[in-house]
Amino acid sequence: MKEYFEKAIQRMKSLNGIVSEEEWNKIAKEENFLSSESIKYISKKDFITLQEEVRAS
């Protein structure tokens, strides 16, 4: 599971900006990544907050 989470985080970093959960879920479905709900559960963070942290690092 950690491998899939890390791949999703790397994909988030490659996006042009912060996306909504709906936009992410569309990307996730097309490119076979974890859904926003799964990411929130694993990270124990709000989806937008997580993206902000990922992009800041």
PDB file of N, CA and C in Angstrom:
ATOM      1  N   MET A   1       0.827  -1.197   0.000  1.00  0.00           N
ATOM      2  CA  MET A   1       0.000   0.000   0.000  1.00  0.00           C
ATOM      3  C   MET A   1       0.871   1.261   0.000  1.00  0.00           C
ATOM      4  N   LYS A   2       1.979   1.197   0.742  1.00  0.00           N
ATOM      5  CA  LYS A   2       2.848   2.372   0.818  1.00  0.00           C
ATOM      6  C   LYS A   2       3.386   2.752  -0.563  1.00  0.00           C
ATOM      7  N   GLU A   3       3.678   1.744  -1.364  1.00  0.00           N
ATOM      8  CA  GLU A   3       4.188   1.992  -2.717  1.00  0.00           C
ATOM      9  C   GLU A   3       3.166   2.782  -3.546  1.00  0.00           C
ATOM     10  N   TYR A   4       1.903   2.406  -3.460  1.00  0.00           N
ATOM     11  CA  TYR A   4       0.845   3.098  -4.204  1.00  0.00           C
ATOM     12  C   TYR A   4       0.646   4.518  -3.685  1.00  0.00           C
ATOM     13  N   PHE A   5       0.765   4.682  -2.373  1.00  0.00           N
ATOM     14  CA  PHE A   5       0.648   6.006  -1.766  1.00  0.00           C
ATOM     15  C   PHE A   5       1.779   6.906  -2.272  1.00  0.00           C
ATOM     16  N   GLU A   6       3.001   6.394  -2.277  1.00  0.00           N
ATOM     17  CA  GLU A   6       4.147   7.176  -2.736  1.00  0.00           C
ATOM     18  C   GLU A   6       4.015   7.559  -4.210  1.00  0.00           C
ATOM     19  N   LYS A   7       3.513   6.651  -5.024  1.00  0.00           N
ATOM     20  CA  LYS A   7       3.308   6.950  -6.450  1.00  0.00           C
ATOM     21  C   LYS A   7       2.275   8.073  -6.610  1.00  0.00           C
ATOM     22  N   ALA A   8       1.227   8.036  -5.808  1.00  0.00           N
ATOM     23  CA  ALA A   8       0.202   9.080  -5.870  1.00  0.00           C
ATOM     24  C   ALA A   8       0.788  10.431  -5.455  1.00  0.00           C
ATOM     25  N   ILE A   9       1.614  10.435  -4.421  1.00  0.00           N
ATOM     26  CA  ILE A   9       2.246  11.673  -3.957  1.00  0.00           C
ATOM     27  C   ILE A   9       3.151  12.241  -5.055  1.00  0.00           C
ATOM     28  N   GLN A  10       3.917  11.389  -5.705  1.00  0.00           N
ATOM     29  CA  GLN A  10       4.786  11.847  -6.794  1.00  0.00           C
ATOM     30  C   GLN A  10       3.967  12.447  -7.932  1.00  0.00           C
ATOM     31  N   ARG A  11       2.828  11.846  -8.222  1.00  0.00           N
ATOM     32  CA  ARG A  11       1.961  12.380  -9.294  1.00  0.00           C
ATOM     33  C   ARG A  11       1.394  13.738  -8.887  1.00  0.00           C
ATOM     34  N   MET A  12       1.039  13.887  -7.619  1.00  0.00           N
ATOM     35  CA  MET A  12       0.539  15.179  -7.135  1.00  0.00           C
ATOM     36  C   MET A  12       1.587  16.267  -7.328  1.00  0.00           C
ATOM     37  N   LYS A  13       2.842  15.930  -7.067  1.00  0.00           N
ATOM     38  CA  LYS A  13       3.926  16.895  -7.227  1.00  0.00           C
ATOM     39  C   LYS A  13       4.069  17.338  -8.674  1.00  0.00           C
ATOM     40  N   SER A  14       3.734  16.456  -9.609  1.00  0.00           N
ATOM     41  CA  SER A  14       3.915  16.777 -11.026  1.00  0.00           C
ATOM     42  C   SER A  14       2.773  17.612 -11.611  1.00  0.00           C
ATOM     43  N   LEU A  15       1.686  17.765 -10.864  1.00  0.00           N
ATOM     44  CA  LEU A  15       0.554  18.543 -11.363  1.00  0.00           C
ATOM     45  C   LEU A  15       0.887  20.033 -11.334  1.00  0.00           C
ATOM     46  N   ASN A  16       0.196  20.811 -12.143  1.00  0.00           N
ATOM     47  CA  ASN A  16       0.454  22.250 -12.221  1.00  0.00           C
ATOM     48  C   ASN A  16      -0.010  23.027 -11.002  1.00  0.00           C
ATOM     49  N   GLY A  17      -0.877  22.444 -10.217  1.00  0.00           N
ATOM     50  CA  GLY A  17      -1.384  23.119  -9.027  1.00  0.00           C
ATOM     51  C   GLY A  17      -2.177  22.150  -8.178  1.00  0.00           C
ATOM     52  N   ILE A  18      -2.794  22.698  -7.152  1.00  0.00           N
ATOM     53  CA  ILE A  18      -3.624  21.887  -6.265  1.00  0.00           C
ATOM     54  C   ILE A  18      -4.939  21.587  -6.974  1.00  0.00           C
ATOM     55  N   VAL A  19      -5.361  20.332  -6.904  1.00  0.00           N
ATOM     56  CA  VAL A  19      -6.600  19.917  -7.561  1.00  0.00           C
ATOM     57  C   VAL A  19      -7.641  19.526  -6.514  1.00  0.00           C
ATOM     58  N   SER A  20      -8.878  19.584  -6.916  1.00  0.00           N
ATOM     59  CA  SER A  20      -9.962  19.170  -6.025  1.00  0.00           C
ATOM     60  C   SER A  20      -9.982  17.645  -5.929  1.00  0.00           C
ATOM     61  N   GLU A  21     -10.719  17.143  -4.960  1.00  0.00           N
ATOM     62  CA  GLU A  21     -10.848  15.689  -4.831  1.00  0.00           C
ATOM     63  C   GLU A  21     -11.485  15.096  -6.079  1.00  0.00           C
ATOM     64  N   GLU A  22     -12.469  15.793  -6.621  1.00  0.00           N
ATOM     65  CA  GLU A  22     -13.137  15.310  -7.837  1.00  0.00           C
ATOM     66  C   GLU A  22     -12.154  15.219  -9.004  1.00  0.00           C
ATOM     67  N   GLU A  23     -11.335  16.256  -9.173  1.00  0.00           N
ATOM     68  CA  GLU A  23     -10.337  16.237 -10.249  1.00  0.00           C
ATOM     69  C   GLU A  23      -9.316  15.122 -10.024  1.00  0.00           C
ATOM     70  N   TRP A  24      -8.865  14.975  -8.764  1.00  0.00           N
ATOM     71  CA  TRP A  24      -7.891  13.928  -8.472  1.00  0.00           C
ATOM     72  C   TRP A  24      -8.476  12.549  -8.759  1.00  0.00           C
ATOM     73  N   ASN A  25      -9.710  12.323  -8.352  1.00  0.00           N
ATOM     74  CA  ASN A  25     -10.318  11.003  -8.555  1.00  0.00           C
ATOM     75  C   ASN A  25     -10.431  10.661 -10.035  1.00  0.00           C
ATOM     76  N   LYS A  26     -10.638  11.675 -10.857  1.00  0.00           N
ATOM     77  CA  LYS A  26     -10.679  11.445 -12.310  1.00  0.00           C
ATOM     78  C   LYS A  26      -9.292  11.033 -12.798  1.00  0.00           C
ATOM     79  N   ILE A  27      -8.258  11.742 -12.351  1.00  0.00           N
ATOM     80  CA  ILE A  27      -6.878  11.395 -12.706  1.00  0.00           C
ATOM     81  C   ILE A  27      -6.554   9.991 -12.186  1.00  0.00           C
ATOM     82  N   ALA A  28      -6.925   9.733 -10.943  1.00  0.00           N
ATOM     83  CA  ALA A  28      -6.629   8.447 -10.308  1.00  0.00           C
ATOM     84  C   ALA A  28      -7.271   7.289 -11.069  1.00  0.00           C
ATOM     85  N   LYS A  29      -8.482   7.492 -11.512  1.00  0.00           N
ATOM     86  CA  LYS A  29      -9.179   6.434 -12.252  1.00  0.00           C
ATOM     87  C   LYS A  29      -8.499   6.178 -13.599  1.00  0.00           C
ATOM     88  N   GLU A  30      -8.131   7.256 -14.281  1.00  0.00           N
ATOM     89  CA  GLU A  30      -7.512   7.124 -15.605  1.00  0.00           C
ATOM     90  C   GLU A  30      -6.109   6.537 -15.525  1.00  0.00           C
ATOM     91  N   GLU A  31      -5.364   6.887 -14.448  1.00  0.00           N
ATOM     92  CA  GLU A  31      -3.951   6.508 -14.365  1.00  0.00           C
ATOM     93  C   GLU A  31      -3.676   5.456 -13.289  1.00  0.00           C
ATOM     94  N   ASN A  32      -4.734   4.922 -12.710  1.00  0.00           N
ATOM     95  CA  ASN A  32      -4.623   3.836 -11.736  1.00  0.00           C
ATOM     96  C   ASN A  32      -3.863   4.225 -10.463  1.00  0.00           C
ATOM     97  N   PHE A  33      -4.298   5.332  -9.828  1.00  0.00           N
ATOM     98  CA  PHE A  33      -3.751   5.766  -8.547  1.00  0.00           C
ATOM     99  C   PHE A  33      -4.801   5.576  -7.468  1.00  0.00           C
ATOM    100  N   LEU A  34      -4.376   5.740  -6.220  1.00  0.00           N
ATOM    101  CA  LEU A  34      -5.323   5.674  -5.106  1.00  0.00           C
ATOM    102  C   LEU A  34      -6.311   6.830  -5.191  1.00  0.00           C
ATOM    103  N   SER A  35      -7.528   6.595  -4.724  1.00  0.00           N
ATOM    104  CA  SER A  35      -8.546   7.644  -4.694  1.00  0.00           C
ATOM    105  C   SER A  35      -8.219   8.652  -3.590  1.00  0.00           C
ATOM    106  N   SER A  36      -8.876   9.783  -3.634  1.00  0.00           N
ATOM    107  CA  SER A  36      -8.667  10.802  -2.599  1.00  0.00           C
ATOM    108  C   SER A  36      -9.065  10.276  -1.224  1.00  0.00           C
ATOM    109  N   GLU A  37     -10.101   9.458  -1.155  1.00  0.00           N
ATOM    110  CA  GLU A  37     -10.522   8.891   0.133  1.00  0.00           C
ATOM    111  C   GLU A  37      -9.445   7.983   0.716  1.00  0.00           C
ATOM    112  N   SER A  38      -8.846   7.173  -0.112  1.00  0.00           N
ATOM    113  CA  SER A  38      -7.777   6.285   0.345  1.00  0.00           C
ATOM    114  C   SER A  38      -6.568   7.097   0.804  1.00  0.00           C
ATOM    115  N   ILE A  39      -6.242   8.118   0.058  1.00  0.00           N
ATOM    116  CA  ILE A  39      -5.102   8.967   0.413  1.00  0.00           C
ATOM    117  C   ILE A  39      -5.354   9.676   1.742  1.00  0.00           C
ATOM    118  N   LYS A  40      -6.568  10.183   1.923  1.00  0.00           N
ATOM    119  CA  LYS A  40      -6.901  10.844   3.192  1.00  0.00           C
ATOM    120  C   LYS A  40      -6.812   9.864   4.360  1.00  0.00           C
ATOM    121  N   TYR A  41      -7.278   8.646   4.158  1.00  0.00           N
ATOM    122  CA  TYR A  41      -7.255   7.637   5.210  1.00  0.00           C
ATOM    123  C   TYR A  41      -5.812   7.284   5.590  1.00  0.00           C
ATOM    124  N   ILE A  42      -4.968   7.073   4.603  1.00  0.00           N
ATOM    125  CA  ILE A  42      -3.584   6.691   4.860  1.00  0.00           C
ATOM    126  C   ILE A  42      -2.810   7.828   5.520  1.00  0.00           C
ATOM    127  N   SER A  43      -2.992   9.039   5.010  1.00  0.00           N
ATOM    128  CA  SER A  43      -2.225  10.179   5.518  1.00  0.00           C
ATOM    129  C   SER A  43      -2.813  10.778   6.798  1.00  0.00           C
ATOM    130  N   LYS A  44      -4.083  10.495   7.045  1.00  0.00           N
ATOM    131  CA  LYS A  44      -4.803  11.082   8.184  1.00  0.00           C
ATOM    132  C   LYS A  44      -4.812  12.612   8.112  1.00  0.00           C
ATOM    133  N   LYS A  45      -4.900  13.110   6.870  1.00  0.00           N
ATOM    134  CA  LYS A  45      -4.930  14.550   6.631  1.00  0.00           C
ATOM    135  C   LYS A  45      -6.007  14.881   5.612  1.00  0.00           C
ATOM    136  N   ASP A  46      -6.428  16.120   5.640  1.00  0.00           N
ATOM    137  CA  ASP A  46      -7.339  16.634   4.632  1.00  0.00           C
ATOM    138  C   ASP A  46      -6.623  16.609   3.282  1.00  0.00           C
ATOM    139  N   PHE A  47      -7.351  16.333   2.226  1.00  0.00           N
ATOM    140  CA  PHE A  47      -6.757  16.174   0.902  1.00  0.00           C
ATOM    141  C   PHE A  47      -6.025  17.432   0.431  1.00  0.00           C
ATOM    142  N   ILE A  48      -6.650  18.581   0.598  1.00  0.00           N
ATOM    143  CA  ILE A  48      -6.030  19.845   0.163  1.00  0.00           C
ATOM    144  C   ILE A  48      -4.799  20.149   1.005  1.00  0.00           C
ATOM    145  N   THR A  49      -4.895  19.946   2.313  1.00  0.00           N
ATOM    146  CA  THR A  49      -3.756  20.182   3.206  1.00  0.00           C
ATOM    147  C   THR A  49      -2.579  19.302   2.813  1.00  0.00           C
ATOM    148  N   LEU A  50      -2.848  18.053   2.527  1.00  0.00           N
ATOM    149  CA  LEU A  50      -1.788  17.130   2.117  1.00  0.00           C
ATOM    150  C   LEU A  50      -1.111  17.631   0.843  1.00  0.00           C
ATOM    151  N   GLN A  51      -1.886  18.053  -0.119  1.00  0.00           N
ATOM    152  CA  GLN A  51      -1.305  18.560  -1.370  1.00  0.00           C
ATOM    153  C   GLN A  51      -0.436  19.782  -1.120  1.00  0.00           C
ATOM    154  N   GLU A  52      -0.902  20.681  -0.256  1.00  0.00           N
ATOM    155  CA  GLU A  52      -0.113  21.870   0.075  1.00  0.00           C
ATOM    156  C   GLU A  52       1.223  21.478   0.691  1.00  0.00           C
ATOM    157  N   GLU A  53       1.203  20.516   1.601  1.00  0.00           N
ATOM    158  CA  GLU A  53       2.430  20.049   2.237  1.00  0.00           C
ATOM    159  C   GLU A  53       3.361  19.374   1.244  1.00  0.00           C
ATOM    160  N   VAL A  54       2.788  18.571   0.359  1.00  0.00           N
ATOM    161  CA  VAL A  54       3.579  17.866  -0.647  1.00  0.00           C
ATOM    162  C   VAL A  54       4.246  18.850  -1.579  1.00  0.00           C
ATOM    163  N   ARG A  55       3.521  19.860  -1.991  1.00  0.00           N
ATOM    164  CA  ARG A  55       4.056  20.835  -2.942  1.00  0.00           C
ATOM    165  C   ARG A  55       5.078  21.744  -2.283  1.00  0.00           C
ATOM    166  N   ALA A  56       4.987  21.957  -0.964  1.00  0.00           N
ATOM    167  CA  ALA A  56       5.927  22.818  -0.257  1.00  0.00           C
ATOM    168  C   ALA A  56       7.276  22.127  -0.030  1.00  0.00           C
ATOM    169  N   SER A  57       7.253  20.796  -0.052  1.00  0.00           N
ATOM    170  CA  SER A  57       8.508  20.073   0.231  1.00  0.00           C
ATOM    171  C   SER A  57       9.347  19.850  -1.008  1.00  0.00           C
TER     172      SER A  57
END
